[in-house]
Structures are given as C-alpha cells and as structure tokens.
Amino acid sequence: MLFKKIHKISIVVLVSLIYTNKALCIEQQSLYRSAEFLGRGDTGISIADNQEAIFYNPAGTAYGKGIYKRILVATPMIELSADTKDLLRKVFVEKKTTPQTFLDHIGKNQHLGIYNLSAIVLRRAAIAGFASTREDLLVYKSPSDNDRGLEKIRAESTVNQGIAFNISEQLFFKDLYLGTTIKYIDQKYAVKEASMVDASGIQESLSESELLKKGTANAVDFGVMYRGSGKSRFSLGINIKNIGNPTFSAASGSSAPAALKQVVNIGFGWNLGTKFSKVRLLLDVQDTSSAVETNIYKKIHLGADIAFKKVMGLAFGFNQGYVCFGYYFNAYIFRIDLGSYAEEISKWSGTRPDSRYFMRIAAGF
C-alpha cells in the first residue's frame, strides 16, 4: 500500500537524520486530523460538518438540508515540526552532518504526521476510508543518576488505516442532532528508548523487530449537537470517542497495541454572519474525563474563524495555550489549507512546546 511505503520512508528520513524521537508524555492518538480545526486551536466540536463530523462529532452530518453533502477523492495532509524543518535545512542544504548538528537539537521534538481521507458524505450518513502515519523522535538528557546525564533517544511510530461508517439523525426538535461513527482500525505501533550509542539500530527495531505491535479493533463514537436557528447563534457539541475502551486483537505472530482510550470532548460555539461573511467563536474542552490528559490547561482550546463567501477564510486560536493560525482557499473541486500550531509534549503547560506547520489539499466535489 502507498501509506506503508510512506511510513517506511518517513522512518528512514527521521531516524537516519537524527537518532531521535517523541515526547515525554502521551499525546492522544488521532486517526484523522483536520487542518481546518488545527488552524483555529483544534476547535469545532459544536459545528463539525461534512467529513470533519465523522471523527470530531458524528451528529454533524445530520445538519443542513437536502441529501448530498460532499464526495472527497483524497485529502492528503502533512504536518512537520518547525525544528525538524530547520534540521533538514542544515543537513540537506548546508550539508552539516556532524554529531554536533544533531546534539544542537537536544530536547526539541521531531514530528512528522501524514494523514489522508477519502469519503462519501450524505446528510445523515457517510462512509470514509482513512490512513495515517505519525513519527516522533526526541533526543534528551537522561535524568537518571546511573546514566550520568547521557543523551537518550525515544522513538515512536504509529500507522493506522481503516474504514469508518457514520449515521446521524435530527431528533426531538429541529435544532438537536444525534449521531454515531463505527470504525474498523488496523494499527501498527512501535516505541523504543535507547542511548545514543545504540541509536543506529533504532530504525530496524521500529520496523522489523519484536517491538512492532500489530492488531485490529472496532470502535464506536457517539455525538450530540445543538445548533440554534433563527435568532439563536449558540451551538453545543459533545463527542464520546472509543466507547468502552476497545481493545486490539493481535495479528498473527505479534502482540496487540494498547487499547484505545474512551475520551469525552465538549465544545461551545457562537456564530455570527451576514450575506457575505461568517464569524465563529469557539471553545472546546477535550478529554473532560482525564482518560489521557490530566492537566486542565492542556485540555482547553480556543478558536475563531471568518469565512468570505465560502471561498476563503482566516482562522486563529489557542491550542493548549499556544497561538495558532490557519488560512484556506476553496475552489469547490479542491481546497488548500495552510497554517501553524503548537502541541505541548510534556506533562506541564509551557514547558516543551512543539511548533508545527501543516498543509492539506482536499480534492472532491
């Protein structure tokens, strides 16, 4: 498969360049990441629509009129850490490949994420095929006295692919929507920590050794959405992801990846609009049940966007306290999104931000 090849290439590029890996804290797994959401602080649970609703709030596909919403042929998106971009420039442009080049990046996360989604979205129903790969690498000073502050490496790799089915309905009264998404997930996961001396073997360990965990799982999301009509501009969304903490069934000859965590996300929105433009103010509180994240400051996301005739738009917000922004241009059969955001990869806010750039091109009609 194409994504399997991309996964192997990304491992080779990142590991052979840096002997490094991810963060020192758990980041929520994402089968699909929306460029539109990331540009405005990763917010939008209360207004999710079209393909975004499948994963962010299943109730959103019931919103609107008519039957047909969108067919997406492909939506390739890439996100890259700012520090990774600088390191690639040093290695490929400036030809700096000495050990000191890599040691200059101690404590800075190197992240590469690639996502793609193809979908048929109707009002009240949708089907999507998804694929994603995430590689995170970090060189850091070991806090252990036994290691006497030696440089350590943590490398983590996750590859997901699967199918998602969505159904939704407008119930009770016209402004309330309910929906569910059923997901089939095929995952490959590996993580390894080592000293700098053993760094040369990380690539093989992640892709070929017994460290690679493989399995499949079925998971269900449930969503509720209220979108006021008439004079009411308020919207509310609740999304329960991975109900019941579904587990993976291990592939033959392998151990299973860790179970998916049930996560509850809540979003609020205020929508203002005219004939030519639309402004939205958003607040999302993610993982309210603290299944993955216990730091309240990292759960809060603020965002806003303004759209002009649905042709182009600007967005900005705060993701875990860090400023982010986005821009899109929509020509109907294709849409391009660009932007930047930061993810906190330590357990405490303001400690180790990982600044990232992203770009998505969506082709469909």
Protein backbone atom coordinates (compact mmCIF):
# COMPACT_ATOMS: atom_id res chain seq x y z
CA MET A 1 0.00 0.00 0.00
CA LEU A 2 1.03 3.60 -0.62
CA PHE A 3 0.84 4.50 3.06
CA LYS A 4 3.01 1.55 4.02
CA LYS A 5 5.68 2.88 1.67
CA ILE A 6 5.27 6.42 3.02
CA HIS A 7 5.59 5.07 6.56
CA LYS A 8 8.87 3.31 5.78
CA ILE A 9 10.24 6.40 4.00
CA SER A 10 9.34 8.66 6.93
CA ILE A 11 11.05 6.29 9.39
CA VAL A 12 14.19 6.26 7.27
CA VAL A 13 14.25 10.06 6.87
CA LEU A 14 13.67 10.95 10.50
CA VAL A 15 15.70 8.22 12.17
CA SER A 16 18.69 8.29 9.88
CA LEU A 17 18.84 12.06 10.15
CA ILE A 18 18.52 12.38 13.89
CA TYR A 19 18.85 9.33 16.07
CA THR A 20 15.81 10.73 17.98
CA ASN A 21 12.02 10.66 18.97
CA LYS A 22 8.88 11.82 20.50
CA ALA A 23 7.66 13.44 23.60
CA LEU A 24 7.93 12.50 27.19
CA CYS A 25 4.19 12.40 27.64
CA ILE A 26 1.26 10.72 25.92
CA GLU A 27 -0.36 12.57 23.04
CA GLN A 28 -3.85 11.50 22.05
CA GLN A 29 -3.93 9.14 19.09
CA SER A 30 -5.58 10.65 16.04
CA LEU A 31 -6.87 8.53 13.18
CA TYR A 32 -7.62 11.74 11.29
CA ARG A 33 -6.61 15.34 11.92
CA SER A 34 -8.44 18.26 10.39
CA ALA A 35 -6.41 21.18 9.04
CA GLU A 36 -9.49 23.35 9.43
CA PHE A 37 -9.70 22.53 13.15
CA LEU A 38 -5.96 22.89 13.80
CA GLY A 39 -5.85 26.40 12.35
CA ARG A 40 -8.36 27.63 14.92
CA GLY A 41 -6.92 25.98 18.03
CA ASP A 42 -8.17 22.44 17.28
CA THR A 43 -11.76 23.55 17.97
CA GLY A 44 -15.08 22.83 16.29
CA ILE A 45 -16.87 20.01 18.14
CA SER A 46 -20.06 22.08 18.24
CA ILE A 47 -20.06 22.88 14.48
CA ALA A 48 -18.37 19.84 12.86
CA ASP A 49 -19.78 19.15 9.39
CA ASN A 50 -19.03 17.13 6.25
CA GLN A 51 -16.01 14.80 6.59
CA GLU A 52 -14.86 16.53 9.79
CA ALA A 53 -18.04 15.38 11.55
CA ILE A 54 -17.22 11.70 11.01
CA PHE A 55 -14.36 11.87 13.53
CA TYR A 56 -14.97 15.06 15.54
CA ASN A 57 -18.73 14.86 16.17
CA PRO A 58 -20.79 12.17 14.39
CA ALA A 59 -24.01 14.18 14.87
CA GLY A 60 -22.80 16.89 12.48
CA THR A 61 -23.63 15.00 9.28
CA ALA A 62 -27.36 15.43 10.06
CA TYR A 63 -27.09 19.22 9.94
CA GLY A 64 -28.24 21.06 6.83
CA LYS A 65 -30.72 20.46 4.02
CA GLY A 66 -31.06 18.04 1.14
CA ILE A 67 -29.33 14.68 0.81
CA TYR A 68 -25.92 15.23 -0.80
CA LYS A 69 -23.07 16.90 1.10
CA ARG A 70 -19.64 16.05 -0.31
CA ILE A 71 -17.55 13.43 -2.09
CA LEU A 72 -13.84 13.56 -1.30
CA VAL A 73 -11.41 11.73 -3.53
CA ALA A 74 -8.38 12.47 -1.35
CA THR A 75 -7.38 14.89 1.42
CA PRO A 76 -3.62 14.44 1.90
CA MET A 77 -2.25 16.45 4.81
CA ILE A 78 1.29 16.72 6.15
CA GLU A 79 2.40 18.29 9.43
CA LEU A 80 6.04 18.86 10.35
CA SER A 81 7.76 20.23 13.44
CA ALA A 82 9.44 23.59 12.93
CA ASP A 83 12.63 22.18 14.43
CA THR A 84 12.55 19.25 12.02
CA LYS A 85 12.34 21.73 9.15
CA ASP A 86 15.42 23.54 10.49
CA LEU A 87 17.32 20.28 10.90
CA LEU A 88 16.52 19.16 7.34
CA ARG A 89 17.79 22.52 6.08
CA LYS A 90 21.10 22.05 7.94
CA VAL A 91 21.57 18.51 6.66
CA PHE A 92 20.45 18.83 3.03
CA VAL A 93 21.14 22.48 2.22
CA GLU A 94 24.06 23.41 4.47
CA LYS A 95 25.50 19.86 4.43
CA LYS A 96 26.09 19.85 8.18
CA THR A 97 26.13 16.20 9.24
CA THR A 98 28.46 16.22 12.23
CA PRO A 99 27.25 14.75 15.56
CA GLN A 100 27.14 18.30 16.96
CA THR A 101 24.47 19.20 14.40
CA PHE A 102 22.16 16.65 15.96
CA LEU A 103 23.19 17.39 19.53
CA ASP A 104 22.20 21.03 18.98
CA HIS A 105 18.61 19.76 18.82
CA ILE A 106 18.55 18.00 22.19
CA GLY A 107 15.20 18.42 23.88
CA LYS A 108 13.41 19.50 20.69
CA ASN A 109 10.79 17.12 19.36
CA GLN A 110 10.97 15.98 15.75
CA HIS A 111 7.49 15.22 14.44
CA LEU A 112 6.13 14.09 11.10
CA GLY A 113 2.45 13.35 10.54
CA ILE A 114 0.78 12.31 7.28
CA TYR A 115 -3.00 11.87 7.01
CA ASN A 116 -5.39 11.04 4.19
CA LEU A 117 -9.14 10.56 3.98
CA SER A 118 -11.49 9.59 1.16
CA ALA A 119 -15.20 9.84 1.84
CA ILE A 120 -18.74 9.96 0.58
CA VAL A 121 -20.74 12.26 2.85
CA LEU A 122 -24.51 12.44 2.64
CA ARG A 123 -26.88 14.13 5.01
CA ARG A 124 -27.42 11.64 7.85
CA ALA A 125 -24.87 9.10 6.54
CA ALA A 126 -21.24 8.83 5.47
CA ILE A 127 -18.53 6.29 4.69
CA ALA A 128 -14.80 7.01 4.75
CA GLY A 129 -11.50 5.26 4.25
CA PHE A 130 -8.59 6.67 6.23
CA ALA A 131 -4.85 6.20 6.58
CA SER A 132 -2.28 7.97 8.72
CA THR A 133 1.30 7.69 9.92
CA ARG A 134 2.94 9.55 12.80
CA GLU A 135 6.63 9.56 13.65
CA ASP A 136 8.00 11.32 16.75
CA LEU A 137 11.63 11.40 17.82
CA LEU A 138 13.40 13.10 20.70
CA VAL A 139 16.99 13.29 21.90
CA TYR A 140 17.13 14.24 25.58
CA LYS A 141 19.39 14.18 28.60
CA SER A 142 18.64 11.20 30.81
CA PRO A 143 17.54 12.29 34.30
CA SER A 144 18.85 9.05 35.77
CA ASP A 145 21.89 9.28 38.04
CA ASN A 146 23.04 5.91 36.73
CA ASP A 147 23.27 7.33 33.21
CA ARG A 148 25.10 10.46 34.44
CA GLY A 149 23.13 12.72 32.11
CA LEU A 150 23.91 10.79 28.91
CA GLU A 151 21.95 11.56 25.78
CA LYS A 152 18.99 9.23 25.33
CA ILE A 153 16.68 8.68 22.38
CA ARG A 154 12.98 7.92 22.32
CA ALA A 155 11.43 6.89 19.00
CA GLU A 156 7.74 6.22 18.44
CA SER A 157 5.89 5.21 15.29
CA THR A 158 2.16 4.70 14.68
CA VAL A 159 0.45 3.68 11.44
CA ASN A 160 -3.35 3.46 11.18
CA GLN A 161 -5.63 2.55 8.33
CA GLY A 162 -9.28 1.57 8.23
CA ILE A 163 -12.88 2.33 7.39
CA ALA A 164 -15.46 4.48 9.20
CA PHE A 165 -19.27 4.40 8.86
CA ASN A 166 -21.42 7.25 10.11
CA ILE A 167 -25.17 7.61 10.67
CA SER A 168 -26.98 10.55 12.25
CA GLU A 169 -30.44 11.98 12.72
CA GLN A 170 -32.32 15.08 13.70
CA LEU A 171 -34.44 14.23 16.75
CA PHE A 172 -36.97 15.64 19.21
CA PHE A 173 -36.87 19.17 17.82
CA LYS A 174 -35.27 20.78 14.81
CA ASP A 175 -32.06 22.07 16.42
CA LEU A 176 -30.89 18.82 18.08
CA TYR A 177 -28.85 16.16 16.29
CA LEU A 178 -27.52 12.73 17.31
CA GLY A 179 -25.01 10.54 15.50
CA THR A 180 -22.60 7.64 15.74
CA THR A 181 -19.45 6.57 13.89
CA ILE A 182 -18.34 2.94 13.74
CA LYS A 183 -14.64 2.46 12.99
CA TYR A 184 -12.56 -0.52 11.88
CA ILE A 185 -8.88 0.14 12.64
CA ASP A 186 -5.75 -1.70 11.56
CA GLN A 187 -2.81 -0.40 13.60
CA LYS A 188 0.94 -0.89 13.71
CA TYR A 189 2.80 0.63 16.64
CA ALA A 190 6.37 0.64 17.92
CA VAL A 191 8.31 2.57 20.54
CA LYS A 192 11.95 2.30 21.61
CA GLU A 193 14.23 4.11 24.03
CA ALA A 194 17.98 3.80 23.79
CA SER A 195 21.24 5.57 24.46
CA MET A 196 22.99 7.49 21.70
CA VAL A 197 25.43 4.60 21.39
CA ASP A 198 22.64 2.28 20.32
CA ALA A 199 20.89 4.82 18.06
CA SER A 200 21.99 3.22 14.82
CA GLY A 201 19.70 0.25 15.45
CA ILE A 202 16.50 2.18 16.10
CA GLN A 203 15.27 2.12 12.51
CA GLU A 204 15.40 -1.67 12.28
CA SER A 205 13.93 -2.06 15.76
CA LEU A 206 10.86 0.03 14.96
CA SER A 207 10.08 -1.52 11.61
CA GLU A 208 11.18 -5.13 11.81
CA SER A 209 11.79 -6.38 15.36
CA GLU A 210 9.55 -7.79 18.06
CA LEU A 211 8.90 -4.19 19.19
CA LEU A 212 6.38 -3.78 16.37
CA LYS A 213 2.84 -4.40 17.65
CA LYS A 214 0.07 -5.10 15.15
CA GLY A 215 -3.65 -5.56 15.58
CA THR A 216 -7.18 -4.67 14.56
CA ALA A 217 -10.02 -3.15 16.55
CA ASN A 218 -13.61 -2.00 16.21
CA ALA A 219 -14.53 1.26 17.95
CA VAL A 220 -17.66 3.37 18.28
CA ASP A 221 -18.03 7.14 18.74
CA PHE A 222 -21.23 8.92 19.77
CA GLY A 223 -22.06 12.57 19.26
CA VAL A 224 -24.72 15.11 20.23
CA MET A 225 -25.03 18.55 18.69
CA TYR A 226 -27.31 21.53 19.26
CA ARG A 227 -27.19 24.29 16.64
CA GLY A 228 -29.59 27.14 17.29
CA SER A 229 -31.59 28.50 14.40
CA GLY A 230 -33.34 31.83 13.90
CA LYS A 231 -32.06 34.45 16.32
CA SER A 232 -30.16 31.88 18.37
CA ARG A 233 -26.45 31.82 17.50
CA PHE A 234 -25.37 29.31 20.12
CA SER A 235 -24.08 25.79 19.39
CA LEU A 236 -23.12 22.92 21.69
CA GLY A 237 -21.43 19.62 20.89
CA ILE A 238 -20.49 16.52 22.87
CA ASN A 239 -18.41 13.70 21.43
CA ILE A 240 -17.63 10.43 23.21
CA LYS A 241 -14.81 8.68 21.37
CA ASN A 242 -13.92 4.99 21.61
CA ILE A 243 -16.80 3.97 23.87
CA GLY A 244 -15.80 1.27 26.34
CA ASN A 245 -12.01 1.46 25.75
CA PRO A 246 -11.95 -1.03 22.82
CA THR A 247 -9.01 -3.41 22.65
CA PHE A 248 -6.99 -4.61 19.67
CA SER A 249 -6.90 -8.21 18.51
CA ALA A 250 -3.26 -9.06 17.90
CA ALA A 251 -2.14 -10.04 14.41
CA SER A 252 -0.62 -13.48 13.98
CA GLY A 253 2.89 -13.64 15.44
CA SER A 254 2.62 -10.21 17.10
CA SER A 255 1.44 -8.62 20.32
CA ALA A 256 -1.50 -6.19 20.33
CA PRO A 257 -1.18 -2.39 20.54
CA ALA A 258 -2.55 -0.71 23.68
CA ALA A 259 -6.33 -0.36 24.00
CA LEU A 260 -7.95 2.82 22.72
CA LYS A 261 -8.97 5.26 25.45
CA GLN A 262 -12.53 6.45 25.85
CA VAL A 263 -12.39 10.24 25.65
CA VAL A 264 -15.18 12.78 26.21
CA ASN A 265 -14.91 16.14 24.42
CA ILE A 266 -17.25 19.13 24.79
CA GLY A 267 -17.48 22.16 22.53
CA PHE A 268 -19.28 25.50 22.59
CA GLY A 269 -19.76 27.96 19.73
CA TRP A 270 -21.19 31.37 18.89
CA ASN A 271 -21.99 32.05 15.26
CA LEU A 272 -22.39 35.45 13.64
CA GLY A 273 -22.98 36.00 9.96
CA THR A 274 -24.01 38.25 7.10
CA LYS A 275 -24.76 37.57 3.47
CA PHE A 276 -21.08 37.82 2.55
CA SER A 277 -19.19 36.64 5.62
CA LYS A 278 -19.45 34.42 8.68
CA VAL A 279 -17.64 34.65 12.01
CA ARG A 280 -17.47 31.84 14.58
CA LEU A 281 -16.12 31.90 18.15
CA LEU A 282 -15.34 28.51 19.65
CA LEU A 283 -14.34 26.90 22.94
CA ASP A 284 -13.55 23.18 23.24
CA VAL A 285 -12.66 21.26 26.38
CA GLN A 286 -11.06 17.99 25.35
CA ASP A 287 -10.73 14.81 27.39
CA THR A 288 -13.01 16.05 30.19
CA SER A 289 -12.84 12.63 31.87
CA SER A 290 -8.99 12.78 32.05
CA ALA A 291 -8.59 9.42 30.31
CA VAL A 292 -5.34 10.58 28.67
CA GLU A 293 -4.66 14.16 29.82
CA THR A 294 -4.86 15.26 33.45
CA ASN A 295 -3.59 18.83 33.07
CA ILE A 296 -6.64 21.10 32.80
CA TYR A 297 -4.68 23.80 30.95
CA LYS A 298 -3.80 21.37 28.14
CA LYS A 299 -7.48 20.46 27.71
CA ILE A 300 -8.66 23.97 26.86
CA HIS A 301 -8.82 25.09 23.23
CA LEU A 302 -10.00 28.49 21.95
CA GLY A 303 -10.57 29.46 18.35
CA ALA A 304 -12.22 31.78 15.88
CA ASP A 305 -12.55 31.97 12.12
CA ILE A 306 -14.01 34.22 9.47
CA ALA A 307 -15.17 32.99 6.08
CA PHE A 308 -15.79 35.09 2.98
CA LYS A 309 -18.44 33.66 0.65
CA LYS A 310 -17.15 30.14 1.48
CA VAL A 311 -14.28 30.85 -0.93
CA MET A 312 -11.55 31.73 1.54
CA GLY A 313 -11.15 32.10 5.25
CA LEU A 314 -8.82 33.02 8.07
CA ALA A 315 -8.57 31.34 11.47
CA PHE A 316 -6.66 31.80 14.69
CA GLY A 317 -6.81 30.43 18.21
CA PHE A 318 -5.00 28.94 21.18
CA ASN A 319 -4.13 25.25 21.29
CA GLN A 320 -3.15 24.27 24.86
CA GLY A 321 -2.23 27.92 25.45
CA TYR A 322 -0.15 28.33 22.28
CA VAL A 323 -1.12 30.64 19.41
CA CYS A 324 -2.09 29.02 16.12
CA PHE A 325 -3.43 30.26 12.80
CA GLY A 326 -4.81 28.96 9.53
CA TYR A 327 -5.80 30.03 6.04
CA TYR A 328 -7.84 28.28 3.37
CA PHE A 329 -8.82 28.83 -0.23
CA ASN A 330 -11.77 26.86 -1.59
CA ALA A 331 -12.31 26.42 -5.34
CA TYR A 332 -15.04 23.80 -4.87
CA ILE A 333 -13.27 20.88 -6.56
CA PHE A 334 -10.18 21.47 -4.45
CA ARG A 335 -9.34 23.26 -1.23
CA ILE A 336 -5.97 24.13 0.25
CA ASP A 337 -5.36 24.72 3.97
CA LEU A 338 -2.15 26.14 5.44
CA GLY A 339 -1.25 27.01 9.00
CA SER A 340 0.72 26.51 12.16
CA TYR A 341 0.03 25.28 15.68
CA ALA A 342 1.94 24.03 18.71
CA GLU A 343 1.47 20.90 20.81
CA GLU A 344 2.69 20.62 24.41
CA ILE A 345 4.61 17.35 24.64
CA SER A 346 5.47 17.46 28.34
CA LYS A 347 3.09 16.94 31.24
CA TRP A 348 3.10 20.64 32.13
CA SER A 349 1.92 23.58 30.06
CA GLY A 350 4.57 25.99 28.78
CA THR A 351 7.41 23.50 29.26
CA ARG A 352 8.14 21.82 25.93
CA PRO A 353 6.05 23.21 23.04
CA ASP A 354 6.43 21.51 19.69
CA SER A 355 5.69 24.11 16.99
CA ARG A 356 4.37 22.55 13.79
CA TYR A 357 3.41 23.60 10.27
CA PHE A 358 0.69 21.88 8.29
CA MET A 359 -0.68 21.80 4.75
CA ARG A 360 -3.68 19.97 3.35
CA ILE A 361 -5.05 19.69 -0.19
CA ALA A 362 -8.57 18.31 -0.45
CA ALA A 363 -9.87 17.17 -3.84
CA GLY A 364 -13.56 16.42 -4.31
CA PHE A 365 -16.91 17.75 -5.39
